[in-house]
């Protein structure tokens, strides 16, 4: 997947997260979990944009690590929304699937970047 496509996908993930949070109940749990979720879900795209602007491989690896952390945390909060019955499962399913896919994409990217960096380092 090209970087521009992934930038769009992460931005759409953030927008969908914002809409989902607006649908959460206005309870203490809804506001607290919603706040946590929207922070990490919107950070995915912002941190991916930053990773794309990295000047070194080490900087890319560090920033991509942040992206991976945020996607994984987004997945956690989505699962908690389901577990706490804050929204019906069907309302969450598509965004939950997207979080899983983004986590898999950034996990693979992290492994590839680290492998390439270690290969370059061992060749010196």
N, C-alpha and C. Protein backbone atom coordinates (compact mmCIF):
# COMPACT_ATOMS: atom_id res chain seq x y z
N UNK A 1 0.85 -1.17 0.00
CA UNK A 1 0.00 0.00 0.00
C UNK A 1 0.89 1.24 0.00
N UNK A 2 0.57 2.18 -0.85
CA UNK A 2 1.35 3.41 -0.96
C UNK A 2 1.09 4.32 0.23
N UNK A 3 2.09 5.15 0.54
CA UNK A 3 1.99 6.05 1.69
C UNK A 3 0.78 6.97 1.58
N UNK A 4 0.50 7.48 0.39
CA UNK A 4 -0.64 8.39 0.23
C UNK A 4 -1.97 7.69 0.50
N UNK A 5 -2.06 6.45 0.08
CA UNK A 5 -3.27 5.67 0.36
C UNK A 5 -3.43 5.42 1.85
N UNK A 6 -2.32 5.15 2.51
CA UNK A 6 -2.36 4.90 3.95
C UNK A 6 -2.64 6.19 4.73
N UNK A 7 -2.14 7.31 4.23
CA UNK A 7 -2.47 8.60 4.86
C UNK A 7 -3.98 8.84 4.81
N UNK A 8 -4.57 8.57 3.67
CA UNK A 8 -6.02 8.74 3.53
C UNK A 8 -6.77 7.76 4.44
N UNK A 9 -6.31 6.55 4.45
CA UNK A 9 -6.97 5.53 5.28
C UNK A 9 -6.91 5.88 6.76
N UNK A 10 -5.78 6.38 7.22
CA UNK A 10 -5.67 6.75 8.64
C UNK A 10 -6.50 7.99 8.95
N UNK A 11 -6.62 8.90 7.98
CA UNK A 11 -7.47 10.08 8.19
C UNK A 11 -8.94 9.67 8.26
N UNK A 12 -9.34 8.76 7.41
CA UNK A 12 -10.73 8.27 7.43
C UNK A 12 -11.00 7.52 8.74
N UNK A 13 -10.00 6.79 9.23
CA UNK A 13 -10.14 6.10 10.52
C UNK A 13 -10.40 7.13 11.62
N UNK A 14 -9.66 8.22 11.60
CA UNK A 14 -9.85 9.27 12.60
C UNK A 14 -11.24 9.88 12.50
N UNK A 15 -11.69 10.17 11.30
CA UNK A 15 -13.02 10.75 11.12
C UNK A 15 -14.12 9.81 11.59
N UNK A 16 -13.98 8.55 11.28
CA UNK A 16 -14.97 7.56 11.73
C UNK A 16 -14.95 7.43 13.25
N UNK A 17 -13.77 7.54 13.84
CA UNK A 17 -13.66 7.49 15.30
C UNK A 17 -14.37 8.67 15.94
N UNK A 18 -14.21 9.85 15.36
CA UNK A 18 -14.88 11.04 15.88
C UNK A 18 -16.39 10.85 15.86
N UNK A 19 -16.90 10.33 14.76
CA UNK A 19 -18.35 10.10 14.65
C UNK A 19 -18.82 9.06 15.66
N UNK A 20 -18.03 8.03 15.86
CA UNK A 20 -18.42 7.00 16.82
C UNK A 20 -18.45 7.57 18.23
N UNK A 21 -17.46 8.37 18.58
CA UNK A 21 -17.42 8.96 19.92
C UNK A 21 -18.62 9.87 20.15
N UNK A 22 -19.04 10.57 19.12
CA UNK A 22 -20.24 11.40 19.24
C UNK A 22 -21.49 10.59 19.55
N UNK A 23 -21.48 9.32 19.18
CA UNK A 23 -22.64 8.44 19.41
C UNK A 23 -22.61 7.76 20.78
N UNK A 24 -21.49 7.86 21.50
CA UNK A 24 -21.41 7.22 22.81
C UNK A 24 -22.35 7.92 23.80
N UNK A 25 -22.80 7.16 24.81
CA UNK A 25 -23.66 7.79 25.81
C UNK A 25 -22.90 8.87 26.57
N UNK A 26 -23.63 9.86 27.03
CA UNK A 26 -23.02 10.99 27.75
C UNK A 26 -22.91 10.66 29.24
N UNK A 27 -22.38 9.48 29.52
CA UNK A 27 -22.14 9.03 30.89
C UNK A 27 -20.67 9.23 31.22
N UNK A 28 -20.31 9.01 32.46
CA UNK A 28 -18.89 9.11 32.84
C UNK A 28 -18.07 8.11 32.02
N UNK A 29 -18.55 6.88 31.92
CA UNK A 29 -17.83 5.86 31.16
C UNK A 29 -17.75 6.23 29.68
N UNK A 30 -18.86 6.67 29.12
CA UNK A 30 -18.87 7.04 27.71
C UNK A 30 -17.92 8.18 27.40
N UNK A 31 -17.94 9.19 28.25
CA UNK A 31 -17.04 10.35 28.03
C UNK A 31 -15.58 9.97 28.24
N UNK A 32 -15.31 9.19 29.27
CA UNK A 32 -13.92 8.82 29.57
C UNK A 32 -13.33 7.93 28.48
N UNK A 33 -14.04 6.87 28.14
CA UNK A 33 -13.55 5.95 27.12
C UNK A 33 -13.52 6.65 25.76
N UNK A 34 -14.54 7.44 25.48
CA UNK A 34 -14.58 8.18 24.21
C UNK A 34 -13.40 9.12 24.07
N UNK A 35 -13.07 9.81 25.15
CA UNK A 35 -11.94 10.74 25.13
C UNK A 35 -10.63 10.01 24.86
N UNK A 36 -10.44 8.89 25.54
CA UNK A 36 -9.22 8.10 25.34
C UNK A 36 -9.15 7.57 23.90
N UNK A 37 -10.27 7.05 23.43
CA UNK A 37 -10.30 6.47 22.09
C UNK A 37 -10.04 7.52 21.01
N UNK A 38 -10.71 8.66 21.11
CA UNK A 38 -10.55 9.66 20.04
C UNK A 38 -9.13 10.22 20.02
N UNK A 39 -8.49 10.31 21.17
CA UNK A 39 -7.09 10.78 21.20
C UNK A 39 -6.18 9.83 20.43
N UNK A 40 -6.27 8.55 20.75
CA UNK A 40 -5.35 7.62 20.08
C UNK A 40 -5.73 7.40 18.62
N UNK A 41 -7.02 7.34 18.32
CA UNK A 41 -7.45 7.11 16.93
C UNK A 41 -7.04 8.26 16.02
N UNK A 42 -7.10 9.49 16.51
CA UNK A 42 -6.68 10.62 15.68
C UNK A 42 -5.16 10.73 15.63
N UNK A 43 -4.49 10.19 16.63
CA UNK A 43 -3.02 10.21 16.63
C UNK A 43 -2.42 9.26 15.60
N UNK A 44 -3.17 8.25 15.22
CA UNK A 44 -2.66 7.28 14.23
C UNK A 44 -2.23 8.02 12.96
N UNK A 45 -3.14 8.79 12.39
CA UNK A 45 -2.84 9.51 11.15
C UNK A 45 -1.79 10.58 11.33
N UNK A 46 -1.88 11.32 12.43
CA UNK A 46 -0.91 12.39 12.67
C UNK A 46 0.50 11.83 12.80
N UNK A 47 0.64 10.73 13.53
CA UNK A 47 1.95 10.13 13.69
C UNK A 47 2.44 9.46 12.42
N UNK A 48 1.52 8.92 11.62
CA UNK A 48 1.93 8.33 10.34
C UNK A 48 2.45 9.42 9.41
N UNK A 49 1.78 10.57 9.38
CA UNK A 49 2.27 11.70 8.58
C UNK A 49 3.68 12.07 9.02
N UNK A 50 3.90 12.12 10.32
CA UNK A 50 5.23 12.45 10.84
C UNK A 50 6.26 11.39 10.44
N UNK A 51 5.86 10.12 10.49
CA UNK A 51 6.78 9.04 10.09
C UNK A 51 7.18 9.18 8.63
N UNK A 52 6.23 9.59 7.80
CA UNK A 52 6.52 9.76 6.37
C UNK A 52 7.52 10.89 6.12
N UNK A 53 7.61 11.81 7.05
CA UNK A 53 8.55 12.93 6.91
C UNK A 53 9.89 12.67 7.62
N UNK A 54 10.08 11.47 8.10
CA UNK A 54 11.31 11.14 8.82
C UNK A 54 12.53 11.39 7.97
N UNK A 55 13.59 11.83 8.63
CA UNK A 55 14.84 12.12 7.93
C UNK A 55 15.81 10.96 7.95
N UNK A 56 15.64 10.05 8.91
CA UNK A 56 16.54 8.90 9.01
C UNK A 56 15.71 7.63 9.23
N UNK A 57 16.34 6.49 9.00
CA UNK A 57 15.66 5.22 9.24
C UNK A 57 15.32 5.07 10.73
N UNK A 58 16.23 5.49 11.59
CA UNK A 58 15.98 5.39 13.03
C UNK A 58 14.78 6.25 13.45
N UNK A 59 14.68 7.44 12.87
CA UNK A 59 13.55 8.31 13.17
C UNK A 59 12.26 7.69 12.65
N UNK A 60 12.30 7.10 11.47
CA UNK A 60 11.12 6.43 10.92
C UNK A 60 10.68 5.29 11.84
N UNK A 61 11.62 4.48 12.27
CA UNK A 61 11.30 3.34 13.14
C UNK A 61 10.65 3.83 14.43
N UNK A 62 11.20 4.88 15.01
CA UNK A 62 10.64 5.42 16.25
C UNK A 62 9.22 5.94 16.04
N UNK A 63 9.02 6.71 14.99
CA UNK A 63 7.69 7.28 14.73
C UNK A 63 6.69 6.20 14.33
N UNK A 64 7.12 5.23 13.55
CA UNK A 64 6.23 4.14 13.18
C UNK A 64 5.86 3.33 14.42
N UNK A 65 6.77 3.24 15.36
CA UNK A 65 6.46 2.58 16.63
C UNK A 65 5.33 3.28 17.36
N UNK A 66 5.32 4.61 17.30
CA UNK A 66 4.22 5.37 17.90
C UNK A 66 2.91 5.09 17.19
N UNK A 67 2.95 5.02 15.87
CA UNK A 67 1.75 4.71 15.09
C UNK A 67 1.20 3.35 15.51
N UNK A 68 2.08 2.39 15.63
CA UNK A 68 1.66 1.04 16.03
C UNK A 68 1.05 1.06 17.43
N UNK A 69 1.66 1.78 18.35
CA UNK A 69 1.10 1.89 19.71
C UNK A 69 -0.30 2.48 19.69
N UNK A 70 -0.49 3.52 18.90
CA UNK A 70 -1.79 4.20 18.84
C UNK A 70 -2.86 3.33 18.18
N UNK A 71 -2.49 2.57 17.14
CA UNK A 71 -3.48 1.69 16.52
C UNK A 71 -3.87 0.57 17.48
N UNK A 72 -2.89 0.03 18.17
CA UNK A 72 -3.17 -1.03 19.13
C UNK A 72 -4.03 -0.50 20.29
N UNK A 73 -3.74 0.70 20.75
CA UNK A 73 -4.55 1.29 21.82
C UNK A 73 -5.97 1.58 21.33
N UNK A 74 -6.11 2.03 20.10
CA UNK A 74 -7.44 2.25 19.52
C UNK A 74 -8.24 0.97 19.54
N UNK A 75 -7.58 -0.11 19.18
CA UNK A 75 -8.22 -1.43 19.19
C UNK A 75 -8.70 -1.79 20.60
N UNK A 76 -7.87 -1.52 21.59
CA UNK A 76 -8.25 -1.78 22.98
C UNK A 76 -9.51 -1.03 23.37
N UNK A 77 -9.55 0.28 23.08
CA UNK A 77 -10.71 1.09 23.48
C UNK A 77 -11.96 0.66 22.74
N UNK A 78 -11.84 0.31 21.47
CA UNK A 78 -13.00 -0.18 20.73
C UNK A 78 -13.54 -1.47 21.35
N UNK A 79 -12.65 -2.36 21.71
CA UNK A 79 -13.08 -3.61 22.33
C UNK A 79 -13.74 -3.34 23.68
N UNK A 80 -13.23 -2.34 24.40
CA UNK A 80 -13.83 -1.99 25.69
C UNK A 80 -15.22 -1.39 25.51
N UNK A 81 -15.41 -0.60 24.46
CA UNK A 81 -16.73 -0.05 24.16
C UNK A 81 -17.73 -1.18 23.95
N UNK A 82 -17.31 -2.21 23.24
CA UNK A 82 -18.17 -3.37 23.01
C UNK A 82 -18.41 -4.11 24.33
N UNK A 83 -17.33 -4.40 25.05
CA UNK A 83 -17.43 -5.16 26.30
C UNK A 83 -18.31 -4.47 27.34
N UNK A 84 -18.27 -3.13 27.36
CA UNK A 84 -19.05 -2.36 28.32
C UNK A 84 -20.47 -2.08 27.82
N UNK A 85 -20.79 -2.59 26.63
CA UNK A 85 -22.11 -2.38 26.03
C UNK A 85 -22.47 -0.90 25.90
N UNK A 86 -21.47 -0.08 25.56
CA UNK A 86 -21.74 1.34 25.38
C UNK A 86 -22.41 1.62 24.03
N UNK A 87 -22.12 0.77 23.06
CA UNK A 87 -22.78 0.82 21.75
C UNK A 87 -23.00 -0.62 21.29
N UNK A 88 -23.99 -0.84 20.44
CA UNK A 88 -24.21 -2.20 19.95
C UNK A 88 -23.06 -2.69 19.07
N UNK A 89 -22.78 -3.96 19.16
CA UNK A 89 -21.68 -4.59 18.41
C UNK A 89 -21.70 -4.22 16.92
N UNK A 90 -22.84 -4.28 16.23
CA UNK A 90 -22.83 -3.95 14.80
C UNK A 90 -22.36 -2.52 14.51
N UNK A 91 -22.57 -1.61 15.44
CA UNK A 91 -22.15 -0.21 15.27
C UNK A 91 -20.63 -0.09 15.31
N UNK A 92 -19.97 -1.04 15.96
CA UNK A 92 -18.53 -1.02 16.18
C UNK A 92 -17.76 -1.87 15.16
N UNK A 93 -18.40 -2.89 14.62
CA UNK A 93 -17.70 -3.92 13.84
C UNK A 93 -16.79 -3.39 12.74
N UNK A 94 -17.27 -2.48 11.91
CA UNK A 94 -16.45 -2.01 10.78
C UNK A 94 -15.21 -1.25 11.27
N UNK A 95 -15.39 -0.42 12.29
CA UNK A 95 -14.25 0.33 12.82
C UNK A 95 -13.28 -0.59 13.56
N UNK A 96 -13.82 -1.58 14.24
CA UNK A 96 -12.99 -2.57 14.92
C UNK A 96 -12.15 -3.34 13.89
N UNK A 97 -12.76 -3.71 12.78
CA UNK A 97 -12.03 -4.41 11.72
C UNK A 97 -10.93 -3.52 11.14
N UNK A 98 -11.24 -2.25 10.93
CA UNK A 98 -10.23 -1.32 10.40
C UNK A 98 -9.07 -1.16 11.38
N UNK A 99 -9.37 -1.09 12.67
CA UNK A 99 -8.30 -0.99 13.68
C UNK A 99 -7.42 -2.23 13.64
N UNK A 100 -8.02 -3.40 13.48
CA UNK A 100 -7.25 -4.64 13.40
C UNK A 100 -6.35 -4.64 12.15
N UNK A 101 -6.92 -4.20 11.03
CA UNK A 101 -6.15 -4.16 9.79
C UNK A 101 -5.01 -3.15 9.87
N UNK A 102 -5.28 -1.98 10.41
CA UNK A 102 -4.21 -0.97 10.56
C UNK A 102 -3.12 -1.47 11.50
N UNK A 103 -3.52 -2.14 12.57
CA UNK A 103 -2.53 -2.69 13.50
C UNK A 103 -1.66 -3.71 12.77
N UNK A 104 -2.26 -4.56 11.96
CA UNK A 104 -1.49 -5.55 11.20
C UNK A 104 -0.55 -4.88 10.19
N UNK A 105 -1.03 -3.85 9.51
CA UNK A 105 -0.21 -3.13 8.53
C UNK A 105 1.00 -2.49 9.22
N UNK A 106 0.76 -1.80 10.32
CA UNK A 106 1.87 -1.11 10.99
C UNK A 106 2.79 -2.07 11.73
N UNK A 107 2.29 -3.23 12.15
CA UNK A 107 3.15 -4.26 12.73
C UNK A 107 4.11 -4.78 11.67
N UNK A 108 3.57 -5.07 10.49
CA UNK A 108 4.41 -5.56 9.39
C UNK A 108 5.43 -4.51 8.98
N UNK A 109 5.00 -3.25 8.92
CA UNK A 109 5.90 -2.16 8.55
C UNK A 109 7.02 -2.01 9.57
N UNK A 110 6.67 -2.14 10.84
CA UNK A 110 7.67 -2.03 11.91
C UNK A 110 8.70 -3.15 11.79
N UNK A 111 8.23 -4.37 11.57
CA UNK A 111 9.15 -5.51 11.44
C UNK A 111 10.07 -5.34 10.24
N UNK A 112 9.50 -4.90 9.11
CA UNK A 112 10.29 -4.70 7.90
C UNK A 112 11.34 -3.62 8.11
N UNK A 113 10.93 -2.49 8.68
CA UNK A 113 11.88 -1.38 8.89
C UNK A 113 13.00 -1.80 9.84
N UNK A 114 12.65 -2.51 10.89
CA UNK A 114 13.69 -2.96 11.85
C UNK A 114 14.63 -3.98 11.21
N UNK A 115 14.08 -4.89 10.41
CA UNK A 115 14.91 -5.89 9.73
C UNK A 115 15.87 -5.21 8.76
N UNK A 116 15.35 -4.26 7.99
CA UNK A 116 16.21 -3.56 7.03
C UNK A 116 17.27 -2.74 7.74
N UNK A 117 16.93 -2.12 8.84
CA UNK A 117 17.89 -1.31 9.59
C UNK A 117 18.98 -2.21 10.18
N UNK A 118 18.61 -3.37 10.69
CA UNK A 118 19.62 -4.27 11.26
C UNK A 118 20.51 -4.85 10.18
N UNK A 119 19.94 -5.10 9.00
CA UNK A 119 20.72 -5.60 7.86
C UNK A 119 21.74 -4.56 7.44
N UNK A 120 21.31 -3.32 7.33
CA UNK A 120 22.23 -2.23 6.96
C UNK A 120 23.32 -2.05 8.01
N UNK A 121 22.92 -2.16 9.26
CA UNK A 121 23.89 -1.98 10.34
C UNK A 121 24.91 -3.11 10.39
N UNK A 122 24.48 -4.34 10.11
CA UNK A 122 25.41 -5.48 10.16
C UNK A 122 26.33 -5.51 8.94
N UNK A 123 25.95 -4.83 7.85
CA UNK A 123 26.79 -4.79 6.65
C UNK A 123 27.94 -3.82 6.80
N UNK A 124 27.88 -2.96 7.77
CA UNK A 124 28.96 -1.95 7.94
C UNK A 124 30.19 -2.52 8.54
